[in-house]
Every structure is written in C-alpha cells, then in structure tokens.
Amino acid sequence: MRVISKFHRVRVTIVHPVDPFGTKIGGISTFIKNFIRYAPEDFDVSVVGVSVCEAERKVGVWHELYLQGREFKFFPVMQVEDENKRPKIPLTLKFTLSVLKHEPRIHLEDGIAEFHRIEPSIPFRRRRGKKVLFVHGHMGDLFNVHSEIKWSKAPYLYFHFERGLMGQFSRVYVVRRDGVEFYRDKYPFMADRFHFLPTWVDEETFYPYDTDTRKAKRKEFIEEQGYDPGDKLILFVGRLEGQKDPLLLIDSFRHLHRLEEKIRLLVVGTGLLSEKVRRRVEEYGLSDRVKFISPLPQLRLAHLMRISHVLLLTSAFEGMPRSVLEALACGLPVVTTDVGEVRRVVRDGFSGLVCQDRSPEAIARALSEVLRGGIRAEDCVSSIRDYEARKVLEGVYNFYRRLGGEI
C-alpha cells in the first residue's frame, strides 16, 4: 500500500525560456506564473529560465524571489533583451544549449521536472527523477500553412526527434482533447500517460466591472483617446504571427467598417507580422480607426477587457486560447474562428459567436450581431466557471503530490 507522507515537500523545477517578471505574450508564460502563484504551501517551486533584466536577475546565479507573495527560486541561464521578438536562431534552441552549459547546477533528481517544450528536456534525458510535459496545442498543426514554428519546415524530422524523448515523461498534459488522442495513437506504449488539461483563467485578476463602473471607465478611455462617444471597441490580444492570422483580423475589421463606421480596433501585441499588418491598415485607410498597443501587464490588460465591447480572435489554429477565457471572465463576449477548444466556452448567442466560415465577410457579420447587444456580462462569466485557475490546477497539484511524494 502506498502512503503519502504528510511531512513530504513536493519539489518542482520548471524548465522553460521565460522570465516570471517579464512581459512575454502567450499562454505558457501565464501558465507558469499562475502555477507559482497558486502553488500549495507544501510545494517548493524553482524556475530555470531566462533573464530580461541582468542587473536584477543575474545569469548563472540562483535567486530567491517572490511573485505576488509566493516565494520561489529562479535560475536564469541566459539573457534575453526582448521576449516578444522572435530571433533568427530559435530561442528554444539557444535556451536548450544554455541549459546544457549550466546543467551541473540544476538538480532534478529529488523532485519533479516540468517542461513546456520538449527540446529543453534534452540535457536531462538520462537523468533520474520524474518529468512532466505540457503540450499547449496540437503538434499536427506543424503541417498548417500558417505555422511559423521552425519545425514546420521539417515536421517529420520533429516527430522523429520527439519519439526519442517522449518516453522519459511520467505524464503528458495536452490542452486539446484531439491532441490527446493524436498522441495516444502515436505512442500506444505510453497511452495511459497522456491526459487532457484545459486552459484556465486567473479569476482574481480577470473579473468584470459592475455596469456603472464599466460605463464610466469606458467613457473615460474613449475621451482620453479622442474617440467619438458612440464608438464601439473591438479588442484583439495576441502575437501578430501566422497562427493568429492578423491579416484576416484587419480584413474582417475593414468589412465591418463598411457596415458600421463608429467602431475602433485595439490591437494588443507584437510579432513577425507587425509591419505587414500596419501596412495593410494604412492601405485600407483605417489608420485613424486602429490603435496598436504594446504588450500589457495582466492588470492593465484586464482593465481593457472590462471596457471593450467584444474580443475578436481570427486564429488559424489554437489549443485552448487563454485570451478567450480571460475576456469572458471580464464579462466581454467573444467572436472567434472555430479553432481548438473555443466551443467549450464560447456558446453562440450566450457568450459570443463561433465562425465556421473564416471569411472576412462572415466574421464581420458575427461582430455586427454581437455589437448590437443582447449578450450579458454575467453569462460570459458563467461560461468559464469550470476553468478557474484553482479548480483546474488542483488536479495537477494533487497528481504532483502522488508522483513526488509516494514512499
């Protein structure tokens, strides 16, 4: 009989090219920050990552830090000037090589190693200890023409590479159910190790304003920007890269502008397609209607979500996009393409609309319908109740206790 010792501490080391104090766009960064923030008292969490501020978080040195009141250890193996700029040499590759360089100072044997990309596990593939991998999408999307992951140039090489590493993991969490089935078919010898894990939202950060506050804050923002009082705010949040299909975003907004003039598009994010997106906005004569905003801290992003009228997602493929859950948690309805797991929370006419037709015309019609009103903020919030951070993470923490605490 297996017994869990009440005195045992669960030691978790997260290995990923992230700075917990940076402004990296993307769900993985948010995942790691939330994992640290909500970790139970019997957890000792360490992060092997990158530093965006060498003066405060020196490379090659273990730091004892606090994230929203939660203590954790941090060991940056390299410096990154801009987390949101995709370098010519993939960051994951440079990070893996840097981890290899500092590998003797990273101890995993007495705890659980957590990975969010498979490549950084290479330096530890022969190390003892428990390892867990999180897959934040569907690796079949490497074949998608919109994919800008370097491996999409040679997807079969990636799967050959992956096969040599996958067997080391005690569990693999996948954020799409079809991704779970994909991996179970691909690796039947370890089928029982693949499990679905939905994305979650930090409900302590993302929540709605009451009606009067929302109206007052929205009015204040519109006046600050010099917009017309009746303008409707359409919000996009994400990387300006192929997966998010930001050119479809601009095309859809253009079609909507032909139907309704009193609209504004707020684009929060940056990426490889930034200049191309800006040029298209200029070509369409919409520069005065589209505002580009640099990546925002979560608190400021949540405020923007609370005062906007609709979130628009035009992605070509997704896992379970966190921005959708965050918007709904703020009482903001969502118009989205039919990707990943969005139908779990975006219910037509209740919390937004899902467009099966990816044409700009169809997306513009869906936006127009949602902007006419009728979707209540409380219904948006109710649609994500099962995906609150504490509820989803509780199962992960309990599994980690079993994995690391059996005696």
Protein backbone atom coordinates (compact mmCIF):
# COMPACT_ATOMS: atom_id res chain seq x y z
CA MET A 1 0.00 0.00 0.00
CA ARG A 2 1.30 3.44 -0.95
CA VAL A 3 1.19 6.18 1.65
CA ILE A 4 1.80 9.90 1.18
CA SER A 5 3.94 11.35 3.95
CA LYS A 6 2.44 14.48 5.49
CA PHE A 7 5.97 15.77 6.02
CA HIS A 8 7.00 15.40 2.39
CA ARG A 9 7.56 18.55 0.37
CA VAL A 10 6.90 18.50 -3.34
CA ARG A 11 9.84 19.94 -5.26
CA VAL A 12 9.06 21.16 -8.77
CA THR A 13 11.57 22.62 -11.21
CA ILE A 14 10.07 24.33 -14.26
CA VAL A 15 12.45 24.46 -17.24
CA HIS A 16 11.35 26.95 -19.89
CA PRO A 17 12.74 30.12 -21.56
CA VAL A 18 10.65 32.54 -19.51
CA ASP A 19 11.29 35.35 -17.07
CA PRO A 20 8.46 35.33 -14.49
CA PHE A 21 8.83 39.10 -14.24
CA GLY A 22 8.84 39.75 -17.98
CA THR A 23 6.00 40.72 -20.34
CA LYS A 24 6.10 37.70 -22.62
CA ILE A 25 2.92 37.31 -24.68
CA GLY A 26 1.43 33.85 -24.62
CA GLY A 27 -0.32 31.24 -22.56
CA ILE A 28 2.80 29.37 -21.43
CA SER A 29 4.18 32.37 -19.59
CA THR A 30 0.83 32.91 -17.87
CA PHE A 31 0.64 29.18 -17.05
CA ILE A 32 3.99 29.29 -15.27
CA LYS A 33 3.20 32.47 -13.34
CA ASN A 34 -0.16 31.06 -12.20
CA PHE A 35 1.45 27.74 -11.28
CA ILE A 36 3.86 29.59 -8.98
CA ARG A 37 1.22 31.92 -7.57
CA TYR A 38 -1.26 29.21 -6.62
CA ALA A 39 1.24 26.51 -5.59
CA PRO A 40 0.22 24.94 -2.25
CA GLU A 41 2.30 25.54 0.86
CA ASP A 42 3.91 22.09 0.64
CA PHE A 43 5.37 22.91 -2.78
CA ASP A 44 8.90 24.24 -3.37
CA VAL A 45 8.95 25.73 -6.86
CA SER A 46 12.05 26.59 -8.89
CA VAL A 47 12.25 28.03 -12.38
CA VAL A 48 15.14 27.58 -14.80
CA GLY A 49 14.55 30.31 -17.35
CA VAL A 50 15.90 33.49 -18.93
CA SER A 51 16.53 36.98 -17.61
CA VAL A 52 15.22 40.14 -19.24
CA CYS A 53 16.99 42.25 -16.61
CA GLU A 54 20.58 41.16 -15.97
CA ALA A 55 21.03 43.88 -13.33
CA GLU A 56 18.26 42.41 -11.16
CA ARG A 57 18.37 38.73 -12.13
CA LYS A 58 21.93 37.81 -12.99
CA VAL A 59 22.52 34.87 -15.30
CA GLY A 60 24.07 31.74 -13.75
CA VAL A 61 23.02 32.62 -10.21
CA TRP A 62 20.21 31.14 -8.10
CA HIS A 63 17.85 33.86 -6.84
CA GLU A 64 15.22 33.66 -4.10
CA LEU A 65 12.31 35.78 -5.32
CA TYR A 66 8.63 36.47 -4.68
CA LEU A 67 5.83 36.51 -7.24
CA GLN A 68 2.62 38.03 -5.88
CA GLY A 69 3.60 36.97 -2.38
CA ARG A 70 4.71 33.43 -3.31
CA GLU A 71 8.39 32.57 -2.78
CA PHE A 72 10.24 30.60 -5.45
CA LYS A 73 13.78 30.08 -6.72
CA PHE A 74 14.93 31.33 -10.11
CA PHE A 75 17.99 30.36 -12.14
CA PRO A 76 18.33 32.24 -15.48
CA VAL A 77 20.71 30.53 -17.91
CA MET A 78 20.82 33.33 -20.48
CA GLN A 79 19.78 36.92 -21.08
CA VAL A 80 17.02 37.95 -23.49
CA GLU A 81 16.53 41.60 -24.43
CA ASP A 82 13.02 41.25 -25.89
CA GLU A 83 10.97 38.16 -25.06
CA ASN A 84 8.40 39.02 -27.73
CA LYS A 85 10.84 39.35 -30.61
CA ARG A 86 11.36 36.10 -32.50
CA PRO A 87 15.13 35.74 -33.17
CA LYS A 88 16.63 34.18 -36.29
CA ILE A 89 18.02 31.35 -34.19
CA PRO A 90 15.06 29.89 -32.27
CA LEU A 91 15.04 30.90 -28.61
CA THR A 92 14.23 27.32 -27.60
CA LEU A 93 17.44 26.11 -29.26
CA LYS A 94 19.61 28.79 -27.62
CA PHE A 95 17.93 28.14 -24.30
CA THR A 96 18.49 24.38 -24.53
CA LEU A 97 22.19 24.92 -25.24
CA SER A 98 22.43 27.35 -22.32
CA VAL A 99 20.71 24.83 -20.03
CA LEU A 100 23.25 22.23 -21.16
CA LYS A 101 26.06 24.62 -20.19
CA HIS A 102 24.65 25.16 -16.69
CA GLU A 103 23.27 21.63 -16.29
CA PRO A 104 25.57 20.60 -13.37
CA ARG A 105 23.99 23.31 -11.18
CA ILE A 106 20.42 22.20 -11.90
CA HIS A 107 19.31 19.35 -9.65
CA LEU A 108 16.20 17.39 -10.63
CA GLU A 109 16.75 14.01 -9.02
CA ASP A 110 14.85 14.70 -5.80
CA GLY A 111 11.79 16.27 -7.39
CA ILE A 112 9.66 16.77 -10.48
CA ALA A 113 10.90 18.46 -13.64
CA GLU A 114 8.24 20.33 -15.61
CA PHE A 115 8.66 21.14 -19.31
CA HIS A 116 6.51 23.16 -21.71
CA ARG A 117 8.54 22.36 -24.80
CA ILE A 118 10.20 19.03 -25.37
CA GLU A 119 13.57 20.38 -26.55
CA PRO A 120 14.80 21.68 -23.13
CA SER A 121 14.45 18.15 -21.75
CA ILE A 122 17.44 17.01 -23.85
CA PRO A 123 20.11 17.86 -21.23
CA PHE A 124 18.20 15.77 -18.66
CA ARG A 125 17.10 12.83 -20.77
CA ARG A 126 19.41 10.43 -18.92
CA ARG A 127 18.79 12.00 -15.51
CA ARG A 128 16.78 10.14 -12.90
CA GLY A 129 13.67 11.75 -11.48
CA LYS A 130 10.09 12.38 -12.51
CA LYS A 131 9.33 14.50 -15.57
CA VAL A 132 6.11 16.03 -16.81
CA LEU A 133 5.49 17.62 -20.21
CA PHE A 134 2.75 20.12 -21.12
CA VAL A 135 1.74 20.36 -24.78
CA HIS A 136 -0.02 23.67 -25.39
CA GLY A 137 -1.56 22.83 -28.73
CA HIS A 138 -1.69 20.05 -31.29
CA MET A 139 1.62 19.13 -32.89
CA GLY A 140 -0.30 18.14 -36.02
CA ASP A 141 -0.53 21.92 -36.56
CA LEU A 142 3.09 21.81 -37.71
CA PHE A 143 1.56 20.97 -41.10
CA ASN A 144 -0.62 24.10 -41.05
CA VAL A 145 0.44 26.67 -43.67
CA HIS A 146 0.08 29.43 -41.08
CA SER A 147 2.55 27.86 -38.66
CA GLU A 148 5.73 29.87 -38.11
CA ILE A 149 7.38 27.35 -35.78
CA LYS A 150 10.76 26.44 -37.27
CA TRP A 151 9.91 22.75 -37.02
CA SER A 152 7.08 23.31 -39.55
CA LYS A 153 9.81 23.39 -42.21
CA ALA A 154 10.57 19.75 -41.38
CA PRO A 155 7.65 18.31 -39.36
CA TYR A 156 8.62 14.68 -39.94
CA LEU A 157 12.08 15.41 -38.56
CA TYR A 158 10.44 16.88 -35.47
CA PHE A 159 8.34 13.76 -34.87
CA HIS A 160 11.42 11.57 -35.28
CA PHE A 161 13.20 13.77 -32.73
CA GLU A 162 10.17 13.72 -30.42
CA ARG A 163 9.95 9.93 -30.48
CA GLY A 164 13.39 9.67 -28.92
CA LEU A 165 12.41 11.90 -25.99
CA MET A 166 8.75 11.21 -25.26
CA GLY A 167 9.26 8.00 -23.28
CA GLN A 168 11.03 9.79 -20.40
CA PHE A 169 7.87 11.58 -19.22
CA SER A 170 5.70 10.21 -16.42
CA ARG A 171 2.76 12.23 -17.70
CA VAL A 172 1.99 14.45 -20.68
CA TYR A 173 -0.78 17.03 -20.35
CA VAL A 174 -2.34 18.25 -23.62
CA VAL A 175 -4.69 21.25 -23.86
CA ARG A 176 -6.75 19.76 -26.72
CA ARG A 177 -8.74 16.54 -26.48
CA ASP A 178 -7.99 15.65 -30.09
CA GLY A 179 -4.32 16.20 -29.23
CA VAL A 180 -4.59 13.56 -26.50
CA GLU A 181 -5.99 11.05 -29.00
CA PHE A 182 -3.30 12.05 -31.51
CA TYR A 183 -0.56 11.17 -29.04
CA ARG A 184 -2.21 8.01 -27.75
CA ASP A 185 -2.38 6.71 -31.31
CA LYS A 186 1.21 7.76 -31.96
CA TYR A 187 2.67 6.30 -28.76
CA PRO A 188 0.46 3.36 -27.73
CA PHE A 189 3.15 2.01 -25.37
CA MET A 190 2.52 5.02 -23.09
CA ALA A 191 -1.10 5.83 -23.97
CA ASP A 192 -2.14 5.98 -20.31
CA ARG A 193 0.30 8.85 -19.66
CA PHE A 194 -1.48 11.35 -21.95
CA HIS A 195 -4.18 13.43 -20.26
CA PHE A 196 -6.33 16.39 -21.23
CA LEU A 197 -5.83 19.58 -19.24
CA PRO A 198 -7.97 22.60 -20.10
CA THR A 199 -6.56 26.10 -20.08
CA TRP A 200 -7.68 28.17 -17.11
CA VAL A 201 -8.19 31.81 -16.20
CA ASP A 202 -6.92 33.65 -13.14
CA GLU A 203 -10.24 34.86 -11.78
CA GLU A 204 -8.54 37.06 -9.17
CA THR A 205 -7.09 39.19 -11.98
CA PHE A 206 -9.78 38.85 -14.65
CA TYR A 207 -13.27 39.76 -13.46
CA PRO A 208 -15.96 42.21 -14.66
CA TYR A 209 -16.76 45.74 -13.55
CA ASP A 210 -20.27 46.41 -12.41
CA THR A 211 -22.44 48.10 -15.04
CA ASP A 212 -21.98 51.67 -13.84
CA THR A 213 -18.21 51.33 -13.39
CA ARG A 214 -17.83 49.74 -16.84
CA LYS A 215 -19.71 52.62 -18.48
CA ALA A 216 -17.71 55.24 -16.57
CA LYS A 217 -14.32 53.64 -17.28
CA ARG A 218 -15.21 53.10 -20.94
CA LYS A 219 -16.26 56.73 -21.30
CA GLU A 220 -13.02 57.84 -19.65
CA PHE A 221 -10.92 55.75 -22.05
CA ILE A 222 -12.82 56.94 -25.13
CA GLU A 223 -12.37 60.57 -24.10
CA GLU A 224 -8.65 60.05 -23.41
CA GLN A 225 -8.16 58.59 -26.89
CA GLY A 226 -10.17 61.34 -28.57
CA TYR A 227 -12.71 58.87 -29.96
CA ASP A 228 -16.34 59.65 -30.68
CA PRO A 229 -18.65 58.98 -27.69
CA GLY A 230 -20.62 56.29 -29.51
CA ASP A 231 -17.62 54.31 -30.78
CA LYS A 232 -17.60 50.56 -30.11
CA LEU A 233 -14.30 48.99 -29.03
CA ILE A 234 -13.17 45.75 -30.68
CA LEU A 235 -10.20 44.15 -28.92
CA PHE A 236 -7.55 41.77 -30.24
CA VAL A 237 -4.92 40.29 -27.89
CA GLY A 238 -2.09 38.08 -29.11
CA ARG A 239 1.05 37.67 -31.15
CA LEU A 240 0.98 39.20 -34.63
CA GLU A 241 2.12 35.97 -36.24
CA GLY A 242 0.77 33.40 -38.66
CA GLN A 243 -1.07 31.27 -36.11
CA LYS A 244 -3.24 34.24 -35.08
CA ASP A 245 -3.82 35.26 -38.71
CA PRO A 246 -3.74 39.03 -38.00
CA LEU A 247 -4.23 39.88 -41.68
CA LEU A 248 -7.64 38.20 -41.50
CA LEU A 249 -8.24 40.34 -38.42
CA ILE A 250 -7.66 43.54 -40.41
CA ASP A 251 -9.66 42.30 -43.40
CA SER A 252 -12.58 41.47 -41.13
CA PHE A 253 -12.43 44.87 -39.46
CA ARG A 254 -12.42 46.54 -42.87
CA HIS A 255 -15.60 44.70 -43.86
CA LEU A 256 -17.25 45.61 -40.58
CA HIS A 257 -16.28 49.26 -41.03
CA ARG A 258 -18.23 49.26 -44.28
CA LEU A 259 -21.31 48.27 -42.27
CA GLU A 260 -20.69 50.32 -39.15
CA GLU A 261 -18.46 53.39 -39.06
CA LYS A 262 -18.46 54.02 -35.32
CA ILE A 263 -16.01 51.25 -34.40
CA ARG A 264 -12.41 51.12 -33.22
CA LEU A 265 -9.95 48.23 -33.24
CA LEU A 266 -7.46 47.90 -30.38
CA VAL A 267 -4.59 45.56 -31.26
CA VAL A 268 -2.58 44.47 -28.22
CA GLY A 269 0.55 42.58 -29.19
CA THR A 270 3.54 42.39 -31.48
CA GLY A 271 5.26 39.84 -33.69
CA LEU A 272 6.85 38.99 -37.02
CA LEU A 273 3.88 40.31 -38.99
CA SER A 274 3.66 43.66 -37.19
CA GLU A 275 4.90 45.76 -40.09
CA LYS A 276 2.81 43.86 -42.62
CA VAL A 277 -0.30 44.36 -40.51
CA ARG A 278 0.40 48.08 -40.11
CA ARG A 279 0.89 48.47 -43.87
CA ARG A 280 -2.43 46.78 -44.56
CA VAL A 281 -4.16 49.11 -42.12
CA GLU A 282 -2.65 52.06 -43.99
CA GLU A 283 -3.62 50.64 -47.39
CA TYR A 284 -7.22 50.36 -46.24
CA GLY A 285 -7.21 53.94 -44.94
CA LEU A 286 -8.01 52.78 -41.42
CA SER A 287 -5.07 54.23 -39.52
CA ASP A 288 -7.35 56.53 -37.54
CA ARG A 289 -9.55 53.55 -36.61
CA VAL A 290 -6.88 51.06 -35.48
CA LYS A 291 -4.72 51.57 -32.41
CA PHE A 292 -1.64 49.38 -31.87
CA ILE A 293 -0.74 48.78 -28.23
CA SER A 294 2.43 47.13 -26.91
CA PRO A 295 2.06 44.01 -24.74
CA LEU A 296 0.42 44.92 -21.44
CA PRO A 297 0.80 43.65 -17.87
CA GLN A 298 -2.15 41.48 -16.87
CA LEU A 299 -3.81 44.10 -14.67
CA ARG A 300 -3.88 46.68 -17.47
CA LEU A 301 -4.99 44.07 -19.98
CA ALA A 302 -7.85 43.05 -17.70
CA HIS A 303 -8.97 46.69 -17.47
CA LEU A 304 -9.02 46.95 -21.26
CA MET A 305 -11.07 43.77 -21.49
CA ARG A 306 -13.61 45.12 -18.98
CA ILE A 307 -14.28 48.27 -21.00
CA SER A 308 -14.26 46.84 -24.55
CA HIS A 309 -17.38 45.67 -26.38
CA VAL A 310 -16.08 42.42 -27.94
CA LEU A 311 -12.90 40.35 -28.22
CA LEU A 312 -12.03 39.13 -31.72
CA LEU A 313 -9.91 36.03 -32.38
CA THR A 314 -9.11 35.12 -36.00
CA SER A 315 -6.63 32.30 -35.40
CA ALA A 316 -5.85 29.62 -37.97
CA PHE A 317 -5.24 27.08 -35.19
CA GLU A 318 -5.17 27.08 -31.39
CA GLY A 319 -5.07 24.92 -28.31
CA MET A 320 -7.41 26.49 -25.79
CA PRO A 321 -6.63 30.22 -26.12
CA ARG A 322 -6.22 31.89 -22.76
CA SER A 323 -7.23 35.32 -24.06
CA VAL A 324 -10.71 33.96 -24.76
CA LEU A 325 -11.14 32.75 -21.18
CA GLU A 326 -9.73 35.98 -19.78
CA ALA A 327 -12.10 38.09 -21.87
CA LEU A 328 -15.14 36.05 -20.84
CA ALA A 329 -14.07 36.26 -17.20
CA CYS A 330 -14.16 40.05 -17.61
CA GLY A 331 -17.70 39.86 -18.97
CA LEU A 332 -16.54 40.50 -22.53
CA PRO A 333 -18.24 38.50 -25.33
CA VAL A 334 -16.04 36.79 -27.91
CA VAL A 335 -16.22 36.38 -31.68
CA THR A 336 -13.81 33.67 -32.80
CA THR A 337 -12.93 31.34 -35.60
CA ASP A 338 -13.72 27.68 -34.92
CA VAL A 339 -10.35 26.57 -33.53
CA GLY A 340 -9.09 24.33 -30.76
CA GLU A 341 -11.30 24.14 -27.69
CA VAL A 342 -13.08 27.51 -28.04
CA ARG A 343 -16.51 25.88 -28.24
CA ARG A 344 -16.10 24.78 -24.63
CA VAL A 345 -16.70 28.35 -23.51
CA VAL A 346 -17.94 30.40 -26.47
CA ARG A 347 -21.60 29.49 -26.90
CA ASP A 348 -23.41 31.11 -29.80
CA GLY A 349 -25.73 33.86 -28.64
CA PHE A 350 -24.84 33.27 -24.98
CA SER A 351 -21.18 34.29 -24.62
CA GLY A 352 -20.33 35.20 -28.22
CA LEU A 353 -20.26 33.62 -31.67
CA VAL A 354 -18.05 30.98 -33.30
CA CYS A 355 -17.47 31.43 -37.04
CA GLN A 356 -17.11 28.21 -39.02
CA ASP A 357 -16.65 30.34 -42.13
CA ARG A 358 -13.23 32.01 -41.93
CA SER A 359 -14.09 34.69 -44.50
CA PRO A 360 -13.83 38.38 -43.53
CA GLU A 361 -17.47 38.84 -44.51
CA ALA A 362 -18.70 36.12 -42.14
CA ILE A 363 -16.57 37.38 -39.26
CA ALA A 364 -17.77 40.95 -39.86
CA ARG A 365 -21.41 39.79 -39.74
CA ALA A 366 -20.76 37.96 -36.46
CA LEU A 367 -19.12 41.05 -34.97
CA SER A 368 -22.03 43.22 -36.06
CA GLU A 369 -24.50 40.84 -34.44
CA VAL A 370 -22.63 40.78 -31.12
CA LEU A 371 -22.14 44.57 -31.13
CA ARG A 372 -25.90 45.04 -31.39
CA GLY A 373 -26.06 43.74 -27.82
CA GLY A 374 -28.05 41.08 -26.07
CA ILE A 375 -25.15 39.12 -24.56
CA ARG A 376 -24.95 39.67 -20.83
CA ALA A 377 -21.68 40.05 -18.93
CA GLU A 378 -22.86 37.59 -16.27
CA ASP A 379 -23.45 34.92 -18.92
CA CYS A 380 -19.92 35.39 -20.23
CA VAL A 381 -18.55 34.95 -16.72
CA SER A 382 -20.71 31.88 -16.04
CA SER A 383 -19.33 30.18 -19.16
CA ILE A 384 -15.82 29.91 -17.65
CA ARG A 385 -16.69 28.84 -14.09
CA ASP A 386 -15.27 25.35 -14.65
CA TYR A 387 -12.00 26.84 -15.91
CA GLU A 388 -10.95 28.95 -12.95
CA ALA A 389 -7.28 28.62 -12.03
CA ARG A 390 -7.68 26.99 -8.64
CA LYS A 391 -10.14 24.39 -9.91
CA VAL A 392 -8.01 23.27 -12.85
CA LEU A 393 -4.65 23.42 -11.08
CA GLU A 394 -5.88 21.47 -8.06
CA GLY A 395 -5.82 18.26 -10.12
CA VAL A 396 -2.27 18.96 -11.30
CA TYR A 397 -1.02 19.70 -7.80
CA ASN A 398 -2.63 16.52 -6.45
CA PHE A 399 -1.00 14.46 -9.20
CA TYR A 400 2.37 16.04 -8.40
CA ARG A 401 1.93 15.05 -4.77
CA ARG A 402 1.32 11.44 -5.79
CA LEU A 403 4.18 11.47 -8.27
CA GLY A 404 6.74 13.04 -5.97
CA GLY A 405 5.54 12.04 -2.56
CA GLU A 406 4.99 8.27 -2.66
CA ILE A 407 7.04 6.29 -0.14
